[in-house]
C-alpha atoms as a PDB file:
ATOM      1  CA  UNK A   1       0.000   0.000   0.000  1.00  0.00           C
ATOM      2  CA  UNK A   2       1.320   3.438  -0.931  1.00  0.00           C
ATOM      3  CA  UNK A   3       2.431   5.677   1.919  1.00  0.00           C
ATOM      4  CA  UNK A   4      -0.281   8.210   1.044  1.00  0.00           C
ATOM      5  CA  UNK A   5      -2.995   5.534   1.190  1.00  0.00           C
ATOM      6  CA  UNK A   6      -1.750   4.260   4.539  1.00  0.00           C
ATOM      7  CA  UNK A   7      -1.747   7.791   5.903  1.00  0.00           C
ATOM      8  CA  UNK A   8      -5.362   8.323   4.802  1.00  0.00           C
ATOM      9  CA  UNK A   9      -6.527   5.031   6.266  1.00  0.00           C
ATOM     10  CA  UNK A  10      -4.891   5.779   9.606  1.00  0.00           C
ATOM     11  CA  UNK A  11      -6.455   9.247   9.596  1.00  0.00           C
ATOM     12  CA  UNK A  12      -9.988   8.018   8.878  1.00  0.00           C
ATOM     13  CA  UNK A  13      -9.912   5.408  11.630  1.00  0.00           C
ATOM     14  CA  UNK A  14      -8.052   7.514  14.154  1.00  0.00           C
ATOM     15  CA  UNK A  15      -9.859   8.684  17.317  1.00  0.00           C
ATOM     16  CA  UNK A  16      -9.208  12.199  15.984  1.00  0.00           C
ATOM     17  CA  UNK A  17     -11.593  11.652  13.045  1.00  0.00           C
ATOM     18  CA  UNK A  18     -14.769  13.238  14.464  1.00  0.00           C
ATOM     19  CA  UNK A  19     -17.462  10.595  14.082  1.00  0.00           C
ATOM     20  CA  UNK A  20     -18.247  10.616  17.812  1.00  0.00           C
ATOM     21  CA  UNK A  21     -17.071   7.048  18.433  1.00  0.00           C
ATOM     22  CA  UNK A  22     -16.025   7.932  21.999  1.00  0.00           C
ATOM     23  CA  UNK A  23     -19.712   8.326  22.938  1.00  0.00           C
ATOM     24  CA  UNK A  24     -20.598   4.676  22.220  1.00  0.00           C
ATOM     25  CA  UNK A  25     -19.927   1.587  24.325  1.00  0.00           C
ATOM     26  CA  UNK A  26     -21.841  -1.059  22.364  1.00  0.00           C
ATOM     27  CA  UNK A  27     -23.722  -2.137  25.486  1.00  0.00           C
ATOM     28  CA  UNK A  28     -20.574  -2.457  27.588  1.00  0.00           C
ATOM     29  CA  UNK A  29     -21.808   0.192  30.003  1.00  0.00           C
ATOM     30  CA  UNK A  30     -24.798  -1.928  31.017  1.00  0.00           C
ATOM     31  CA  UNK A  31     -22.774  -5.156  31.121  1.00  0.00           C
ATOM     32  CA  UNK A  32     -20.197  -3.580  33.419  1.00  0.00           C
ATOM     33  CA  UNK A  33     -22.864  -2.005  35.642  1.00  0.00           C
ATOM     34  CA  UNK A  34     -24.374  -5.498  36.041  1.00  0.00           C
ATOM     35  CA  UNK A  35     -20.944  -6.908  37.007  1.00  0.00           C
ATOM     36  CA  UNK A  36     -20.775  -9.135  33.932  1.00  0.00           C
ATOM     37  CA  UNK A  37     -17.358  -7.650  33.151  1.00  0.00           C
ATOM     38  CA  UNK A  38     -14.927  -6.624  35.854  1.00  0.00           C
ATOM     39  CA  UNK A  39     -11.413  -7.271  34.559  1.00  0.00           C
ATOM     40  CA  UNK A  40      -9.227  -7.499  31.480  1.00  0.00           C
ATOM     41  CA  UNK A  41      -9.786 -11.220  30.920  1.00  0.00           C
ATOM     42  CA  UNK A  42     -13.576 -10.907  30.917  1.00  0.00           C
ATOM     43  CA  UNK A  43     -13.433  -7.899  28.593  1.00  0.00           C
ATOM     44  CA  UNK A  44     -11.205  -9.705  26.092  1.00  0.00           C
ATOM     45  CA  UNK A  45     -13.502 -12.727  26.082  1.00  0.00           C
ATOM     46  CA  UNK A  46     -16.581 -10.532  25.571  1.00  0.00           C
ATOM     47  CA  UNK A  47     -15.003  -8.634  22.678  1.00  0.00           C
ATOM     48  CA  UNK A  48     -13.688 -11.808  21.056  1.00  0.00           C
ATOM     49  CA  UNK A  49     -17.199 -13.269  21.115  1.00  0.00           C
ATOM     50  CA  UNK A  50     -18.676 -10.126  19.514  1.00  0.00           C
ATOM     51  CA  UNK A  51     -15.924 -10.235  16.885  1.00  0.00           C
ATOM     52  CA  UNK A  52     -16.243 -13.909  16.078  1.00  0.00           C
ATOM     53  CA  UNK A  53     -19.967 -14.541  16.471  1.00  0.00           C
ATOM     54  CA  UNK A  54     -21.781 -11.261  16.976  1.00  0.00           C
ATOM     55  CA  UNK A  55     -22.621  -7.907  15.452  1.00  0.00           C
ATOM     56  CA  UNK A  56     -19.019  -7.068  14.547  1.00  0.00           C
ATOM     57  CA  UNK A  57     -18.804 -10.230  12.457  1.00  0.00           C
ATOM     58  CA  UNK A  58     -21.841  -8.996  10.546  1.00  0.00           C
ATOM     59  CA  UNK A  59     -20.164  -5.603  10.115  1.00  0.00           C
ATOM     60  CA  UNK A  60     -17.274  -7.391   8.408  1.00  0.00           C
ATOM     61  CA  UNK A  61     -19.727  -9.027   5.992  1.00  0.00           C
ATOM     62  CA  UNK A  62     -21.272  -5.685   5.069  1.00  0.00           C
ATOM     63  CA  UNK A  63     -17.855  -4.034   4.757  1.00  0.00           C
ATOM     64  CA  UNK A  64     -16.686  -6.633   2.230  1.00  0.00           C
ATOM     65  CA  UNK A  65     -19.855  -6.507   0.125  1.00  0.00           C
ATOM     66  CA  UNK A  66     -19.943  -2.694   0.138  1.00  0.00           C
ATOM     67  CA  UNK A  67     -16.291  -2.605  -0.925  1.00  0.00           C
ATOM     68  CA  UNK A  68     -16.956  -5.009  -3.801  1.00  0.00           C
ATOM     69  CA  UNK A  69     -20.055  -3.126  -4.953  1.00  0.00           C
ATOM     70  CA  UNK A  70     -18.021   0.062  -4.951  1.00  0.00           C
ATOM     71  CA  UNK A  71     -15.221  -1.604  -6.949  1.00  0.00           C
ATOM     72  CA  UNK A  72     -17.787  -2.626  -9.579  1.00  0.00           C
ATOM     73  CA  UNK A  73     -19.417   0.823  -9.482  1.00  0.00           C
ATOM     74  CA  UNK A  74     -22.677  -1.025  -8.876  1.00  0.00           C
ATOM     75  CA  UNK A  75     -24.965   1.545  -7.253  1.00  0.00           C
ATOM     76  CA  UNK A  76     -27.973  -0.800  -7.151  1.00  0.00           C
ATOM     77  CA  UNK A  77     -25.991  -3.523  -5.406  1.00  0.00           C
ATOM     78  CA  UNK A  78     -24.564  -1.031  -2.934  1.00  0.00           C
ATOM     79  CA  UNK A  79     -28.050   0.279  -2.117  1.00  0.00           C
ATOM     80  CA  UNK A  80     -29.235  -3.278  -1.451  1.00  0.00           C
ATOM     81  CA  UNK A  81     -26.298  -4.039   0.852  1.00  0.00           C
ATOM     82  CA  UNK A  82     -26.751  -0.725   2.681  1.00  0.00           C
ATOM     83  CA  UNK A  83     -30.464  -1.381   3.173  1.00  0.00           C
ATOM     84  CA  UNK A  84     -29.792  -4.815   4.632  1.00  0.00           C
ATOM     85  CA  UNK A  85     -27.061  -3.445   6.903  1.00  0.00           C
ATOM     86  CA  UNK A  86     -29.383  -0.744   8.272  1.00  0.00           C
ATOM     87  CA  UNK A  87     -32.068  -3.341   9.023  1.00  0.00           C
ATOM     88  CA  UNK A  88     -29.781  -5.941  10.577  1.00  0.00           C
ATOM     89  CA  UNK A  89     -29.386  -4.676  14.145  1.00  0.00           C
ATOM     90  CA  UNK A  90     -30.522  -6.348  17.359  1.00  0.00           C
ATOM     91  CA  UNK A  91     -31.555  -3.086  19.037  1.00  0.00           C
ATOM     92  CA  UNK A  92     -32.383   0.563  18.454  1.00  0.00           C
ATOM     93  CA  UNK A  93     -29.170   1.659  20.156  1.00  0.00           C
ATOM     94  CA  UNK A  94     -26.996  -0.651  18.049  1.00  0.00           C
ATOM     95  CA  UNK A  95     -28.589   0.849  14.930  1.00  0.00           C
ATOM     96  CA  UNK A  96     -28.009   4.366  16.271  1.00  0.00           C
ATOM     97  CA  UNK A  97     -24.355   3.518  16.860  1.00  0.00           C
ATOM     98  CA  UNK A  98     -23.953   2.366  13.260  1.00  0.00           C
ATOM     99  CA  UNK A  99     -25.871   5.051  11.372  1.00  0.00           C
ATOM    100  CA  UNK A 100     -24.802   8.071  13.441  1.00  0.00           C
ATOM    101  CA  UNK A 101     -21.154   7.254  12.855  1.00  0.00           C
ATOM    102  CA  UNK A 102     -21.846   6.398   9.222  1.00  0.00           C
ATOM    103  CA  UNK A 103     -23.538   9.734   8.507  1.00  0.00           C
ATOM    104  CA  UNK A 104     -20.783  11.666  10.278  1.00  0.00           C
ATOM    105  CA  UNK A 105     -18.073   9.738   8.442  1.00  0.00           C
ATOM    106  CA  UNK A 106     -19.611  10.444   5.026  1.00  0.00           C
ATOM    107  CA  UNK A 107     -20.010  14.151   5.784  1.00  0.00           C
ATOM    108  CA  UNK A 108     -16.410  14.578   6.932  1.00  0.00           C
ATOM    109  CA  UNK A 109     -15.000  12.339   4.187  1.00  0.00           C
ATOM    110  CA  UNK A 110     -16.772  14.380   1.509  1.00  0.00           C
ATOM    111  CA  UNK A 111     -15.052  17.496   2.836  1.00  0.00           C
ATOM    112  CA  UNK A 112     -11.599  16.047   3.494  1.00  0.00           C
ATOM    113  CA  UNK A 113     -11.142  12.974   1.260  1.00  0.00           C
ATOM    114  CA  UNK A 114     -13.530  13.247  -1.721  1.00  0.00           C
ATOM    115  CA  UNK A 115     -13.578  10.490  -4.312  1.00  0.00           C
ATOM    116  CA  UNK A 116     -15.865   9.281  -7.083  1.00  0.00           C
ATOM    117  CA  UNK A 117     -17.277   6.336  -5.144  1.00  0.00           C
ATOM    118  CA  UNK A 118     -18.811   8.596  -2.516  1.00  0.00           C
ATOM    119  CA  UNK A 119     -21.327   9.587  -5.200  1.00  0.00           C
ATOM    120  CA  UNK A 120     -22.575   5.995  -5.193  1.00  0.00           C
ATOM    121  CA  UNK A 121     -23.980   6.584  -1.701  1.00  0.00           C
ATOM    122  CA  UNK A 122     -25.908   9.712  -2.681  1.00  0.00           C
ATOM    123  CA  UNK A 123     -29.210   7.842  -2.657  1.00  0.00           C
ATOM    124  CA  UNK A 124     -28.692   6.460   0.848  1.00  0.00           C
ATOM    125  CA  UNK A 125     -30.125   8.790   3.524  1.00  0.00           C
ATOM    126  CA  UNK A 126     -28.172   9.541   6.676  1.00  0.00           C
ATOM    127  CA  UNK A 127     -30.552   7.474   8.800  1.00  0.00           C
ATOM    128  CA  UNK A 128     -29.845   4.365   6.717  1.00  0.00           C
ATOM    129  CA  UNK A 129     -26.079   4.568   6.147  1.00  0.00           C
ATOM    130  CA  UNK A 130     -24.077   2.297   8.409  1.00  0.00           C
ATOM    131  CA  UNK A 131     -20.493   2.982   9.398  1.00  0.00           C
ATOM    132  CA  UNK A 132     -19.128  -0.248   7.891  1.00  0.00           C
ATOM    133  CA  UNK A 133     -20.716   0.544   4.527  1.00  0.00           C
ATOM    134  CA  UNK A 134     -19.294   4.033   4.067  1.00  0.00           C
ATOM    135  CA  UNK A 135     -15.802   3.145   5.308  1.00  0.00           C
ATOM    136  CA  UNK A 136     -15.664   0.283   2.820  1.00  0.00           C
ATOM    137  CA  UNK A 137     -16.803   2.551  -0.012  1.00  0.00           C
ATOM    138  CA  UNK A 138     -14.264   5.250   0.813  1.00  0.00           C
ATOM    139  CA  UNK A 139     -11.382   2.790   1.176  1.00  0.00           C
ATOM    140  CA  UNK A 140     -12.096   1.294  -2.238  1.00  0.00           C
ATOM    141  CA  UNK A 141     -12.470   4.731  -3.789  1.00  0.00           C
ATOM    142  CA  UNK A 142      -8.979   5.656  -2.649  1.00  0.00           C
ATOM    143  CA  UNK A 143      -7.435   2.433  -3.926  1.00  0.00           C
ATOM    144  CA  UNK A 144      -6.824   0.876  -0.510  1.00  0.00           C
ATOM    145  CA  UNK A 145      -6.823  -2.914  -0.605  1.00  0.00           C
ATOM    146  CA  UNK A 146      -9.669  -4.715   1.142  1.00  0.00           C
ATOM    147  CA  UNK A 147      -7.549  -6.658   3.651  1.00  0.00           C
ATOM    148  CA  UNK A 148      -5.754  -3.705   5.310  1.00  0.00           C
ATOM    149  CA  UNK A 149      -8.921  -1.600   5.132  1.00  0.00           C
ATOM    150  CA  UNK A 150     -11.034  -4.189   6.979  1.00  0.00           C
ATOM    151  CA  UNK A 151      -8.228  -4.924   9.452  1.00  0.00           C
ATOM    152  CA  UNK A 152      -7.939  -1.229  10.290  1.00  0.00           C
ATOM    153  CA  UNK A 153     -11.717  -0.914  10.650  1.00  0.00           C
ATOM    154  CA  UNK A 154     -11.932  -3.819  13.100  1.00  0.00           C
ATOM    155  CA  UNK A 155      -8.867  -2.624  15.011  1.00  0.00           C
ATOM    156  CA  UNK A 156     -10.452   0.809  15.421  1.00  0.00           C
ATOM    157  CA  UNK A 157     -13.688  -0.741  16.665  1.00  0.00           C
ATOM    158  CA  UNK A 158     -11.891  -2.965  19.185  1.00  0.00           C
ATOM    159  CA  UNK A 159      -9.783  -0.027  20.353  1.00  0.00           C
ATOM    160  CA  UNK A 160     -12.836   2.165  20.863  1.00  0.00           C
ATOM    161  CA  UNK A 161     -14.677  -0.461  22.914  1.00  0.00           C
ATOM    162  CA  UNK A 162     -11.559  -1.088  24.974  1.00  0.00           C
ATOM    163  CA  UNK A 163     -11.263   2.644  25.600  1.00  0.00           C
ATOM    164  CA  UNK A 164     -14.868   2.708  26.813  1.00  0.00           C
ATOM    165  CA  UNK A 165     -14.158  -0.197  29.169  1.00  0.00           C
ATOM    166  CA  UNK A 166     -11.098   1.585  30.538  1.00  0.00           C
ATOM    167  CA  UNK A 167     -13.372   4.372  31.736  1.00  0.00           C
ATOM    168  CA  UNK A 168     -16.089   2.059  33.044  1.00  0.00           C
ATOM    169  CA  UNK A 169     -14.428  -0.902  34.793  1.00  0.00           C
ATOM    170  CA  UNK A 170     -12.004   0.996  35.286  1.00  0.00           C
ATOM    171  CA  UNK A 171      -9.077  -0.543  33.450  1.00  0.00           C
ATOM    172  CA  UNK A 172      -5.517   0.760  33.392  1.00  0.00           C
ATOM    173  CA  UNK A 173      -3.776   1.907  30.222  1.00  0.00           C
ATOM    174  CA  UNK A 174      -1.462  -1.099  30.178  1.00  0.00           C
ATOM    175  CA  UNK A 175      -4.326  -3.556  30.586  1.00  0.00           C
ATOM    176  CA  UNK A 176      -6.145  -1.759  27.798  1.00  0.00           C
ATOM    177  CA  UNK A 177      -3.217  -2.292  25.441  1.00  0.00           C
ATOM    178  CA  UNK A 178      -2.913  -5.917  26.536  1.00  0.00           C
ATOM    179  CA  UNK A 179      -6.581  -6.408  25.642  1.00  0.00           C
ATOM    180  CA  UNK A 180      -6.116  -4.949  22.161  1.00  0.00           C
ATOM    181  CA  UNK A 181      -3.017  -7.101  21.609  1.00  0.00           C
ATOM    182  CA  UNK A 182      -4.827 -10.236  22.781  1.00  0.00           C
ATOM    183  CA  UNK A 183      -7.566  -9.654  20.203  1.00  0.00           C
ATOM    184  CA  UNK A 184      -5.181  -9.555  17.231  1.00  0.00           C
ATOM    185  CA  UNK A 185      -5.665 -13.270  16.362  1.00  0.00           C
ATOM    186  CA  UNK A 186      -9.459 -12.886  16.504  1.00  0.00           C
ATOM    187  CA  UNK A 187      -9.376  -9.835  14.235  1.00  0.00           C
ATOM    188  CA  UNK A 188      -7.128 -11.643  11.765  1.00  0.00           C
ATOM    189  CA  UNK A 189      -9.424 -14.692  11.738  1.00  0.00           C
ATOM    190  CA  UNK A 190     -12.477 -12.554  10.999  1.00  0.00           C
ATOM    191  CA  UNK A 191     -10.637 -10.708   8.220  1.00  0.00           C
ATOM    192  CA  UNK A 192      -9.467 -13.965   6.618  1.00  0.00           C
ATOM    193  CA  UNK A 193     -12.975 -15.421   6.825  1.00  0.00           C
ATOM    194  CA  UNK A 194     -14.620 -12.281   5.419  1.00  0.00           C
ATOM    195  CA  UNK A 195     -12.204 -12.020   2.499  1.00  0.00           C
ATOM    196  CA  UNK A 196     -13.167 -15.560   1.464  1.00  0.00           C
ATOM    197  CA  UNK A 197     -16.896 -14.778   1.317  1.00  0.00           C
ATOM    198  CA  UNK A 198     -18.642 -15.626  -1.915  1.00  0.00           C
ATOM    199  CA  UNK A 199     -19.825 -12.786  -4.130  1.00  0.00           C
ATOM    200  CA  UNK A 200     -23.484 -13.757  -3.718  1.00  0.00           C
ATOM    201  CA  UNK A 201     -26.096 -12.585  -1.266  1.00  0.00           C
ATOM    202  CA  UNK A 202     -24.556 -11.233   1.987  1.00  0.00           C
ATOM    203  CA  UNK A 203     -27.578 -12.593   3.857  1.00  0.00           C
ATOM    204  CA  UNK A 204     -26.117 -16.086   3.532  1.00  0.00           C
ATOM    205  CA  UNK A 205     -23.140 -15.125   5.731  1.00  0.00           C
ATOM    206  CA  UNK A 206     -25.011 -13.195   8.423  1.00  0.00           C
ATOM    207  CA  UNK A 207     -25.733 -14.477  11.900  1.00  0.00           C
ATOM    208  CA  UNK A 208     -25.208 -13.852  15.586  1.00  0.00           C
ATOM    209  CA  UNK A 209     -24.850 -16.035  18.659  1.00  0.00           C
ATOM    210  CA  UNK A 210     -24.030 -13.397  21.290  1.00  0.00           C
ATOM    211  CA  UNK A 211     -27.387 -13.059  23.011  1.00  0.00           C
ATOM    212  CA  UNK A 212     -26.014 -11.415  26.147  1.00  0.00           C
ATOM    213  CA  UNK A 213     -24.159  -8.750  24.182  1.00  0.00           C
ATOM    214  CA  UNK A 214     -27.292  -8.060  22.149  1.00  0.00           C
ATOM    215  CA  UNK A 215     -29.399  -7.885  25.305  1.00  0.00           C
ATOM    216  CA  UNK A 216     -26.916  -5.412  26.800  1.00  0.00           C
ATOM    217  CA  UNK A 217     -27.589  -3.002  23.931  1.00  0.00           C
ATOM    218  CA  UNK A 218     -31.343  -3.367  24.577  1.00  0.00           C
ATOM    219  CA  UNK A 219     -31.075  -2.883  28.334  1.00  0.00           C
ATOM    220  CA  UNK A 220     -28.745   0.114  28.153  1.00  0.00           C
ATOM    221  CA  UNK A 221     -31.411   2.547  26.923  1.00  0.00           C
ATOM    222  CA  UNK A 222     -33.334   2.223  30.218  1.00  0.00           C
ATOM    223  CA  UNK A 223     -30.252   2.313  32.443  1.00  0.00           C
ATOM    224  CA  UNK A 224     -30.678   4.834  35.257  1.00  0.00           C
ATOM    225  CA  UNK A 225     -27.339   6.633  34.839  1.00  0.00           C
ATOM    226  CA  UNK A 226     -25.346   6.615  31.633  1.00  0.00           C
ATOM    227  CA  UNK A 227     -22.043   7.987  30.399  1.00  0.00           C
ATOM    228  CA  UNK A 228     -22.483   6.669  26.840  1.00  0.00           C
ATOM    229  CA  UNK A 229     -25.185   6.918  24.182  1.00  0.00           C
ATOM    230  CA  UNK A 230     -25.199   3.130  23.740  1.00  0.00           C
END
């Protein structure tokens, strides 16, 4: 990957890129308040499950199919994938987390990193554009290969959730970095699996088996005190 492409990718998925990711915990706030997570080991296990068998796994599916639709300049296909991604959330808060960041990312990308493929998303309203979709489209539009783009996306997601847990458990900075390092094999497995997906219907690859994590995103909206939006 060219140095300029790497620089752009790092910029887009940096905490400094203002999509508001620091305001989301993906249900971790409720899980920690209920004492389901209280240390680094439990956090790493929770995040690995979400990566391997939960909503983040589905994000990887949508990322890959959005990237491919963008590469083929197939607006109809991209609209179909985006519509499915917007509908495929276990809770209102999980959907909010995806579309709020997606809309913010598109707005900032259009101003700071314009490319032709962004026009493919013109027919997708802000309240139906998921984060994984627009990042995949932008990465392809700037000639960034799918594997590093998806790896960076998943790393950023894991890092953000770990950062949220550091404030909630609380967890020290060193333990936070140990958690991110421990999740490297899981991220790599998901990337390898997603890259091998067939070019057919993304619905065939979707699924989730993390009921507790999904319930946490449902329960969070009625939590008495909250630091995070989700």
